[in-house]
Amino acid sequence: MSQERLQEQIAYYNARANEYDEWFYRIGRYDRGEQLNQLWFDEAAMIKKALKNLGSVQTVLELACGTGIWTQELVAISRKNCCY
């Protein structure tokens, strides 16, 4: 991959970062109403709990990290993180 192409991709995803957070947190056009939003957040909480229940792990390979919403959860349980 050329350096120019890589920079284009970085710029593209940086420009969309707020949109990803709005999607995850159900803000603006991603708001699905109180009931569906709560279901979404309950499911996310279940995943967070499952990660914590894994206990400590040596290494995590995280692909397509996005804005780091899940990275912070993975950092809490791992000794080493590789994020791409």
PDB file of N, CA and C in Angstrom:
ATOM      1  N   MET A   1       0.848  -1.177   0.000  1.00  0.00           N
ATOM      2  CA  MET A   1       0.000   0.000   0.000  1.00  0.00           C
ATOM      3  C   MET A   1       0.890   1.234   0.000  1.00  0.00           C
ATOM      4  N   SER A   2       0.561   2.164  -0.841  1.00  0.00           N
ATOM      5  CA  SER A   2       1.370   3.377  -0.936  1.00  0.00           C
ATOM      6  C   SER A   2       1.127   4.276   0.280  1.00  0.00           C
ATOM      7  N   GLN A   3       2.104   5.087   0.577  1.00  0.00           N
ATOM      8  CA  GLN A   3       1.988   6.028   1.695  1.00  0.00           C
ATOM      9  C   GLN A   3       0.828   7.002   1.460  1.00  0.00           C
ATOM     10  N   GLU A   4       0.652   7.401   0.203  1.00  0.00           N
ATOM     11  CA  GLU A   4      -0.447   8.310  -0.128  1.00  0.00           C
ATOM     12  C   GLU A   4      -1.800   7.663   0.163  1.00  0.00           C
ATOM     13  N   ARG A   5      -1.959   6.415  -0.240  1.00  0.00           N
ATOM     14  CA  ARG A   5      -3.218   5.693   0.000  1.00  0.00           C
ATOM     15  C   ARG A   5      -3.461   5.540   1.500  1.00  0.00           C
ATOM     16  N   LEU A   6      -2.425   5.220   2.233  1.00  0.00           N
ATOM     17  CA  LEU A   6      -2.544   5.080   3.681  1.00  0.00           C
ATOM     18  C   LEU A   6      -3.003   6.393   4.317  1.00  0.00           C
ATOM     19  N   GLN A   7      -2.431   7.498   3.901  1.00  0.00           N
ATOM     20  CA  GLN A   7      -2.819   8.804   4.439  1.00  0.00           C
ATOM     21  C   GLN A   7      -4.271   9.139   4.086  1.00  0.00           C
ATOM     22  N   GLU A   8      -4.708   8.751   2.901  1.00  0.00           N
ATOM     23  CA  GLU A   8      -6.104   8.959   2.509  1.00  0.00           C
ATOM     24  C   GLU A   8      -7.044   8.182   3.432  1.00  0.00           C
ATOM     25  N   GLN A   9      -6.684   6.950   3.725  1.00  0.00           N
ATOM     26  CA  GLN A   9      -7.520   6.132   4.598  1.00  0.00           C
ATOM     27  C   GLN A   9      -7.547   6.684   6.020  1.00  0.00           C
ATOM     28  N   ILE A  10      -6.414   7.110   6.509  1.00  0.00           N
ATOM     29  CA  ILE A  10      -6.358   7.706   7.848  1.00  0.00           C
ATOM     30  C   ILE A  10      -7.245   8.942   7.906  1.00  0.00           C
ATOM     31  N   ALA A  11      -7.156   9.798   6.900  1.00  0.00           N
ATOM     32  CA  ALA A  11      -7.976  11.013   6.860  1.00  0.00           C
ATOM     33  C   ALA A  11      -9.464  10.665   6.808  1.00  0.00           C
ATOM     34  N   TYR A  12      -9.807   9.660   6.017  1.00  0.00           N
ATOM     35  CA  TYR A  12     -11.206   9.246   5.895  1.00  0.00           C
ATOM     36  C   TYR A  12     -11.766   8.803   7.241  1.00  0.00           C
ATOM     37  N   TYR A  13     -11.062   7.910   7.919  1.00  0.00           N
ATOM     38  CA  TYR A  13     -11.567   7.389   9.187  1.00  0.00           C
ATOM     39  C   TYR A  13     -11.518   8.430  10.296  1.00  0.00           C
ATOM     40  N   ASN A  14     -10.540   9.299  10.285  1.00  0.00           N
ATOM     41  CA  ASN A  14     -10.516  10.395  11.261  1.00  0.00           C
ATOM     42  C   ASN A  14     -11.724  11.308  11.079  1.00  0.00           C
ATOM     43  N   ALA A  15     -12.087  11.562   9.830  1.00  0.00           N
ATOM     44  CA  ALA A  15     -13.234  12.423   9.552  1.00  0.00           C
ATOM     45  C   ALA A  15     -14.546  11.793  10.014  1.00  0.00           C
ATOM     46  N   ARG A  16     -14.603  10.476  10.072  1.00  0.00           N
ATOM     47  CA  ARG A  16     -15.834   9.771  10.455  1.00  0.00           C
ATOM     48  C   ARG A  16     -15.862   9.347  11.914  1.00  0.00           C
ATOM     49  N   ALA A  17     -14.833   9.636  12.682  1.00  0.00           N
ATOM     50  CA  ALA A  17     -14.736   9.163  14.066  1.00  0.00           C
ATOM     51  C   ALA A  17     -15.953   9.560  14.898  1.00  0.00           C
ATOM     52  N   ASN A  18     -16.385  10.789  14.782  1.00  0.00           N
ATOM     53  CA  ASN A  18     -17.553  11.221  15.561  1.00  0.00           C
ATOM     54  C   ASN A  18     -18.796  10.422  15.197  1.00  0.00           C
ATOM     55  N   GLU A  19     -18.916  10.085  13.924  1.00  0.00           N
ATOM     56  CA  GLU A  19     -20.072   9.297  13.491  1.00  0.00           C
ATOM     57  C   GLU A  19     -20.076   7.926  14.156  1.00  0.00           C
ATOM     58  N   TYR A  20     -18.913   7.301  14.291  1.00  0.00           N
ATOM     59  CA  TYR A  20     -18.836   5.996  14.949  1.00  0.00           C
ATOM     60  C   TYR A  20     -19.261   6.096  16.406  1.00  0.00           C
ATOM     61  N   ASP A  21     -18.815   7.142  17.091  1.00  0.00           N
ATOM     62  CA  ASP A  21     -19.208   7.322  18.487  1.00  0.00           C
ATOM     63  C   ASP A  21     -20.704   7.601  18.600  1.00  0.00           C
ATOM     64  N   GLU A  22     -21.240   8.404  17.692  1.00  0.00           N
ATOM     65  CA  GLU A  22     -22.679   8.673  17.700  1.00  0.00           C
ATOM     66  C   GLU A  22     -23.461   7.378  17.500  1.00  0.00           C
ATOM     67  N   TRP A  23     -22.969   6.513  16.623  1.00  0.00           N
ATOM     68  CA  TRP A  23     -23.632   5.224  16.390  1.00  0.00           C
ATOM     69  C   TRP A  23     -23.610   4.389  17.659  1.00  0.00           C
ATOM     70  N   PHE A  24     -22.442   4.259  18.267  1.00  0.00           N
ATOM     71  CA  PHE A  24     -22.337   3.401  19.450  1.00  0.00           C
ATOM     72  C   PHE A  24     -23.180   3.933  20.600  1.00  0.00           C
ATOM     73  N   TYR A  25     -23.132   5.226  20.830  1.00  0.00           N
ATOM     74  CA  TYR A  25     -23.855   5.821  21.955  1.00  0.00           C
ATOM     75  C   TYR A  25     -25.290   6.203  21.609  1.00  0.00           C
ATOM     76  N   ARG A  26     -25.737   5.888  20.378  1.00  0.00           N
ATOM     77  CA  ARG A  26     -27.114   6.107  19.941  1.00  0.00           C
ATOM     78  C   ARG A  26     -27.519   7.576  20.042  1.00  0.00           C
ATOM     79  N   ILE A  27     -26.719   8.418  19.403  1.00  0.00           N
ATOM     80  CA  ILE A  27     -26.932   9.860  19.408  1.00  0.00           C
ATOM     81  C   ILE A  27     -27.435  10.306  18.034  1.00  0.00           C
ATOM     82  N   GLY A  28     -28.294  11.304  18.029  1.00  0.00           N
ATOM     83  CA  GLY A  28     -28.762  11.889  16.768  1.00  0.00           C
ATOM     84  C   GLY A  28     -29.507  10.888  15.914  1.00  0.00           C
ATOM     85  N   ARG A  29     -29.091  10.751  14.664  1.00  0.00           N
ATOM     86  CA  ARG A  29     -29.816   9.869  13.739  1.00  0.00           C
ATOM     87  C   ARG A  29     -29.730   8.398  14.127  1.00  0.00           C
ATOM     88  N   TYR A  30     -28.869   8.067  15.077  1.00  0.00           N
ATOM     89  CA  TYR A  30     -28.731   6.683  15.527  1.00  0.00           C
ATOM     90  C   TYR A  30     -29.565   6.386  16.767  1.00  0.00           C
ATOM     91  N   ASP A  31     -30.257   7.373  17.273  1.00  0.00           N
ATOM     92  CA  ASP A  31     -31.144   7.190  18.419  1.00  0.00           C
ATOM     93  C   ASP A  31     -32.344   6.371  17.957  1.00  0.00           C
ATOM     94  N   ARG A  32     -32.559   5.229  18.578  1.00  0.00           N
ATOM     95  CA  ARG A  32     -33.655   4.337  18.184  1.00  0.00           C
ATOM     96  C   ARG A  32     -34.807   4.353  19.188  1.00  0.00           C
ATOM     97  N   GLY A  33     -34.802   5.328  20.071  1.00  0.00           N
ATOM     98  CA  GLY A  33     -35.845   5.402  21.090  1.00  0.00           C
ATOM     99  C   GLY A  33     -35.380   4.739  22.371  1.00  0.00           C
ATOM    100  N   GLU A  34     -36.038   5.108  23.451  1.00  0.00           N
ATOM    101  CA  GLU A  34     -35.595   4.682  24.780  1.00  0.00           C
ATOM    102  C   GLU A  34     -35.486   3.167  24.925  1.00  0.00           C
ATOM    103  N   GLN A  35     -36.488   2.442  24.479  1.00  0.00           N
ATOM    104  CA  GLN A  35     -36.512   0.990  24.669  1.00  0.00           C
ATOM    105  C   GLN A  35     -35.398   0.287  23.885  1.00  0.00           C
ATOM    106  N   LEU A  36     -35.269   0.589  22.604  1.00  0.00           N
ATOM    107  CA  LEU A  36     -34.231  -0.064  21.801  1.00  0.00           C
ATOM    108  C   LEU A  36     -32.836   0.392  22.205  1.00  0.00           C
ATOM    109  N   ASN A  37     -32.697   1.663  22.561  1.00  0.00           N
ATOM    110  CA  ASN A  37     -31.393   2.140  23.036  1.00  0.00           C
ATOM    111  C   ASN A  37     -30.992   1.393  24.299  1.00  0.00           C
ATOM    112  N   GLN A  38     -31.935   1.215  25.221  1.00  0.00           N
ATOM    113  CA  GLN A  38     -31.613   0.516  26.466  1.00  0.00           C
ATOM    114  C   GLN A  38     -31.224  -0.932  26.190  1.00  0.00           C
ATOM    115  N   LEU A  39     -31.913  -1.573  25.270  1.00  0.00           N
ATOM    116  CA  LEU A  39     -31.560  -2.943  24.886  1.00  0.00           C
ATOM    117  C   LEU A  39     -30.125  -2.989  24.367  1.00  0.00           C
ATOM    118  N   TRP A  40     -29.778  -2.032  23.520  1.00  0.00           N
ATOM    119  CA  TRP A  40     -28.419  -1.942  22.977  1.00  0.00           C
ATOM    120  C   TRP A  40     -27.393  -1.796  24.102  1.00  0.00           C
ATOM    121  N   PHE A  41     -27.633  -0.864  25.013  1.00  0.00           N
ATOM    122  CA  PHE A  41     -26.684  -0.625  26.097  1.00  0.00           C
ATOM    123  C   PHE A  41     -26.610  -1.814  27.051  1.00  0.00           C
ATOM    124  N   ASP A  42     -27.723  -2.498  27.262  1.00  0.00           N
ATOM    125  CA  ASP A  42     -27.711  -3.704  28.095  1.00  0.00           C
ATOM    126  C   ASP A  42     -26.854  -4.794  27.452  1.00  0.00           C
ATOM    127  N   GLU A  43     -26.980  -4.944  26.137  1.00  0.00           N
ATOM    128  CA  GLU A  43     -26.171  -5.946  25.437  1.00  0.00           C
ATOM    129  C   GLU A  43     -24.690  -5.581  25.476  1.00  0.00           C
ATOM    130  N   ALA A  44     -24.373  -4.308  25.309  1.00  0.00           N
ATOM    131  CA  ALA A  44     -22.976  -3.873  25.404  1.00  0.00           C
ATOM    132  C   ALA A  44     -22.435  -4.137  26.803  1.00  0.00           C
ATOM    133  N   ALA A  45     -23.254  -3.920  27.823  1.00  0.00           N
ATOM    134  CA  ALA A  45     -22.834  -4.183  29.206  1.00  0.00           C
ATOM    135  C   ALA A  45     -22.569  -5.670  29.419  1.00  0.00           C
ATOM    136  N   MET A  46     -23.360  -6.525  28.782  1.00  0.00           N
ATOM    137  CA  MET A  46     -23.134  -7.971  28.886  1.00  0.00           C
ATOM    138  C   MET A  46     -21.779  -8.350  28.292  1.00  0.00           C
ATOM    139  N   ILE A  47     -21.431  -7.741  27.177  1.00  0.00           N
ATOM    140  CA  ILE A  47     -20.143  -8.029  26.546  1.00  0.00           C
ATOM    141  C   ILE A  47     -19.003  -7.527  27.429  1.00  0.00           C
ATOM    142  N   LYS A  48     -19.151  -6.332  27.983  1.00  0.00           N
ATOM    143  CA  LYS A  48     -18.125  -5.801  28.886  1.00  0.00           C
ATOM    144  C   LYS A  48     -17.930  -6.725  30.079  1.00  0.00           C
ATOM    145  N   LYS A  49     -19.028  -7.220  30.638  1.00  0.00           N
ATOM    146  CA  LYS A  49     -18.948  -8.136  31.781  1.00  0.00           C
ATOM    147  C   LYS A  49     -18.257  -9.438  31.381  1.00  0.00           C
ATOM    148  N   ALA A  50     -18.593  -9.955  30.208  1.00  0.00           N
ATOM    149  CA  ALA A  50     -17.966 -11.191  29.732  1.00  0.00           C
ATOM    150  C   ALA A  50     -16.462 -11.007  29.568  1.00  0.00           C
ATOM    151  N   LEU A  51     -16.041  -9.852  29.073  1.00  0.00           N
ATOM    152  CA  LEU A  51     -14.606  -9.579  28.947  1.00  0.00           C
ATOM    153  C   LEU A  51     -13.935  -9.569  30.314  1.00  0.00           C
ATOM    154  N   LYS A  52     -14.554  -8.910  31.278  1.00  0.00           N
ATOM    155  CA  LYS A  52     -13.987  -8.863  32.631  1.00  0.00           C
ATOM    156  C   LYS A  52     -13.928 -10.251  33.247  1.00  0.00           C
ATOM    157  N   ASN A  53     -14.932 -11.083  32.954  1.00  0.00           N
ATOM    158  CA  ASN A  53     -14.964 -12.440  33.497  1.00  0.00           C
ATOM    159  C   ASN A  53     -13.877 -13.335  32.917  1.00  0.00           C
ATOM    160  N   LEU A  54     -13.304 -12.937  31.786  1.00  0.00           N
ATOM    161  CA  LEU A  54     -12.188 -13.699  31.230  1.00  0.00           C
ATOM    162  C   LEU A  54     -10.988 -13.671  32.160  1.00  0.00           C
ATOM    163  N   GLY A  55     -10.891 -12.613  32.933  1.00  0.00           N
ATOM    164  CA  GLY A  55      -9.713 -12.430  33.771  1.00  0.00           C
ATOM    165  C   GLY A  55      -8.572 -11.887  32.932  1.00  0.00           C
ATOM    166  N   SER A  56      -7.405 -11.945  33.495  1.00  0.00           N
ATOM    167  CA  SER A  56      -6.231 -11.394  32.824  1.00  0.00           C
ATOM    168  C   SER A  56      -5.793 -12.286  31.664  1.00  0.00           C
ATOM    169  N   VAL A  57      -5.485 -11.651  30.549  1.00  0.00           N
ATOM    170  CA  VAL A  57      -4.960 -12.367  29.394  1.00  0.00           C
ATOM    171  C   VAL A  57      -3.616 -11.763  29.014  1.00  0.00           C
ATOM    172  N   GLN A  58      -2.802 -12.550  28.353  1.00  0.00           N
ATOM    173  CA  GLN A  58      -1.462 -12.101  27.995  1.00  0.00           C
ATOM    174  C   GLN A  58      -1.494 -11.027  26.905  1.00  0.00           C
ATOM    175  N   THR A  59      -2.091 -11.366  25.765  1.00  0.00           N
ATOM    176  CA  THR A  59      -2.042 -10.481  24.603  1.00  0.00           C
ATOM    177  C   THR A  59      -3.408 -10.412  23.929  1.00  0.00           C
ATOM    178  N   VAL A  60      -3.754  -9.220  23.469  1.00  0.00           N
ATOM    179  CA  VAL A  60      -4.983  -9.011  22.702  1.00  0.00           C
ATOM    180  C   VAL A  60      -4.600  -8.431  21.349  1.00  0.00           C
ATOM    181  N   LEU A  61      -5.142  -9.004  20.303  1.00  0.00           N
ATOM    182  CA  LEU A  61      -5.013  -8.446  18.961  1.00  0.00           C
ATOM    183  C   LEU A  61      -6.375  -7.866  18.604  1.00  0.00           C
ATOM    184  N   GLU A  62      -6.430  -6.559  18.483  1.00  0.00           N
ATOM    185  CA  GLU A  62      -7.685  -5.885  18.155  1.00  0.00           C
ATOM    186  C   GLU A  62      -7.583  -5.321  16.746  1.00  0.00           C
ATOM    187  N   LEU A  63      -8.477  -5.754  15.892  1.00  0.00           N
ATOM    188  CA  LEU A  63      -8.512  -5.279  14.512  1.00  0.00           C
ATOM    189  C   LEU A  63      -9.664  -4.299  14.346  1.00  0.00           C
ATOM    190  N   ALA A  64      -9.450  -3.285  13.535  1.00  0.00           N
ATOM    191  CA  ALA A  64     -10.471  -2.261  13.284  1.00  0.00           C
ATOM    192  C   ALA A  64     -10.925  -1.625  14.594  1.00  0.00           C
ATOM    193  N   CYS A  65      -9.993  -1.004  15.284  1.00  0.00           N
ATOM    194  CA  CYS A  65     -10.211  -0.468  16.635  1.00  0.00           C
ATOM    195  C   CYS A  65     -11.202   0.678  16.697  1.00  0.00           C
ATOM    196  N   GLY A  66     -11.425   1.327  15.598  1.00  0.00           N
ATOM    197  CA  GLY A  66     -12.357   2.452  15.614  1.00  0.00           C
ATOM    198  C   GLY A  66     -11.869   3.562  16.519  1.00  0.00           C
ATOM    199  N   THR A  67     -12.774   4.083  17.336  1.00  0.00           N
ATOM    200  CA  THR A  67     -12.417   5.207  18.203  1.00  0.00           C
ATOM    201  C   THR A  67     -11.941   4.761  19.577  1.00  0.00           C
ATOM    202  N   GLY A  68     -11.820   3.463  19.779  1.00  0.00           N
ATOM    203  CA  GLY A  68     -11.260   2.960  21.029  1.00  0.00           C
ATOM    204  C   GLY A  68     -12.272   2.611  22.100  1.00  0.00           C
ATOM    205  N   ILE A  69     -13.527   2.561  21.751  1.00  0.00           N
ATOM    206  CA  ILE A  69     -14.562   2.232  22.737  1.00  0.00           C
ATOM    207  C   ILE A  69     -14.278   0.878  23.379  1.00  0.00           C
ATOM    208  N   TRP A  70     -13.941  -0.105  22.563  1.00  0.00           N
ATOM    209  CA  TRP A  70     -13.659  -1.433  23.108  1.00  0.00           C
ATOM    210  C   TRP A  70     -12.204  -1.575  23.529  1.00  0.00           C
ATOM    211  N   THR A  71     -11.337  -0.759  22.972  1.00  0.00           N
ATOM    212  CA  THR A  71      -9.923  -0.813  23.351  1.00  0.00           C
ATOM    213  C   THR A  71      -9.761  -0.600  24.843  1.00  0.00           C
ATOM    214  N   GLN A  72     -10.487   0.351  25.403  1.00  0.00           N
ATOM    215  CA  GLN A  72     -10.359   0.624  26.832  1.00  0.00           C
ATOM    216  C   GLN A  72     -10.775  -0.580  27.673  1.00  0.00           C
ATOM    217  N   GLU A  73     -11.724  -1.351  27.197  1.00  0.00           N
ATOM    218  CA  GLU A  73     -12.130  -2.562  27.911  1.00  0.00           C
ATOM    219  C   GLU A  73     -11.057  -3.638  27.803  1.00  0.00           C
ATOM    220  N   LEU A  74     -10.456  -3.754  26.623  1.00  0.00           N
ATOM    221  CA  LEU A  74      -9.429  -4.770  26.405  1.00  0.00           C
ATOM    222  C   LEU A  74      -8.141  -4.450  27.153  1.00  0.00           C
ATOM    223  N   VAL A  75      -7.801  -3.178  27.232  1.00  0.00           N
ATOM    224  CA  VAL A  75      -6.603  -2.766  27.974  1.00  0.00           C
ATOM    225  C   VAL A  75      -6.720  -3.187  29.438  1.00  0.00           C
ATOM    226  N   ALA A  76      -7.925  -3.134  29.971  1.00  0.00           N
ATOM    227  CA  ALA A  76      -8.141  -3.455  31.379  1.00  0.00           C
ATOM    228  C   ALA A  76      -7.874  -4.924  31.701  1.00  0.00           C
ATOM    229  N   ILE A  77      -7.940  -5.805  30.712  1.00  0.00           N
ATOM    230  CA  ILE A  77      -7.777  -7.235  31.001  1.00  0.00           C
ATOM    231  C   ILE A  77      -6.502  -7.832  30.419  1.00  0.00           C
ATOM    232  N   SER A  78      -5.729  -7.058  29.677  1.00  0.00           N
ATOM    233  CA  SER A  78      -4.574  -7.644  28.989  1.00  0.00           C
ATOM    234  C   SER A  78      -3.265  -7.001  29.411  1.00  0.00           C
ATOM    235  N   ARG A  79      -2.211  -7.777  29.257  1.00  0.00           N
ATOM    236  CA  ARG A  79      -0.871  -7.263  29.544  1.00  0.00           C
ATOM    237  C   ARG A  79      -0.304  -6.520  28.341  1.00  0.00           C
ATOM    238  N   LYS A  80      -0.697  -6.954  27.150  1.00  0.00           N
ATOM    239  CA  LYS A  80      -0.184  -6.352  25.920  1.00  0.00           C
ATOM    240  C   LYS A  80      -1.323  -6.242  24.913  1.00  0.00           C
ATOM    241  N   ASN A  81      -1.429  -5.086  24.275  1.00  0.00           N
ATOM    242  CA  ASN A  81      -2.446  -4.865  23.247  1.00  0.00           C
ATOM    243  C   ASN A  81      -1.773  -4.534  21.929  1.00  0.00           C
ATOM    244  N   CYS A  82      -2.240  -5.172  20.888  1.00  0.00           N
ATOM    245  CA  CYS A  82      -1.810  -4.852  19.526  1.00  0.00           C
ATOM    246  C   CYS A  82      -3.060  -4.390  18.793  1.00  0.00           C
ATOM    247  N   CYS A  83      -3.112  -3.115  18.461  1.00  0.00           N
ATOM    248  CA  CYS A  83      -4.300  -2.522  17.836  1.00  0.00           C
ATOM    249  C   CYS A  83      -3.980  -2.106  16.412  1.00  0.00           C
ATOM    250  N   TYR A  84      -4.792  -2.594  15.475  1.00  0.00           N
ATOM    251  CA  TYR A  84      -4.602  -2.261  14.064  1.00  0.00           C
ATOM    252  C   TYR A  84      -5.900  -1.819  13.456  1.00  0.00           C
TER     253      TYR A  84
END
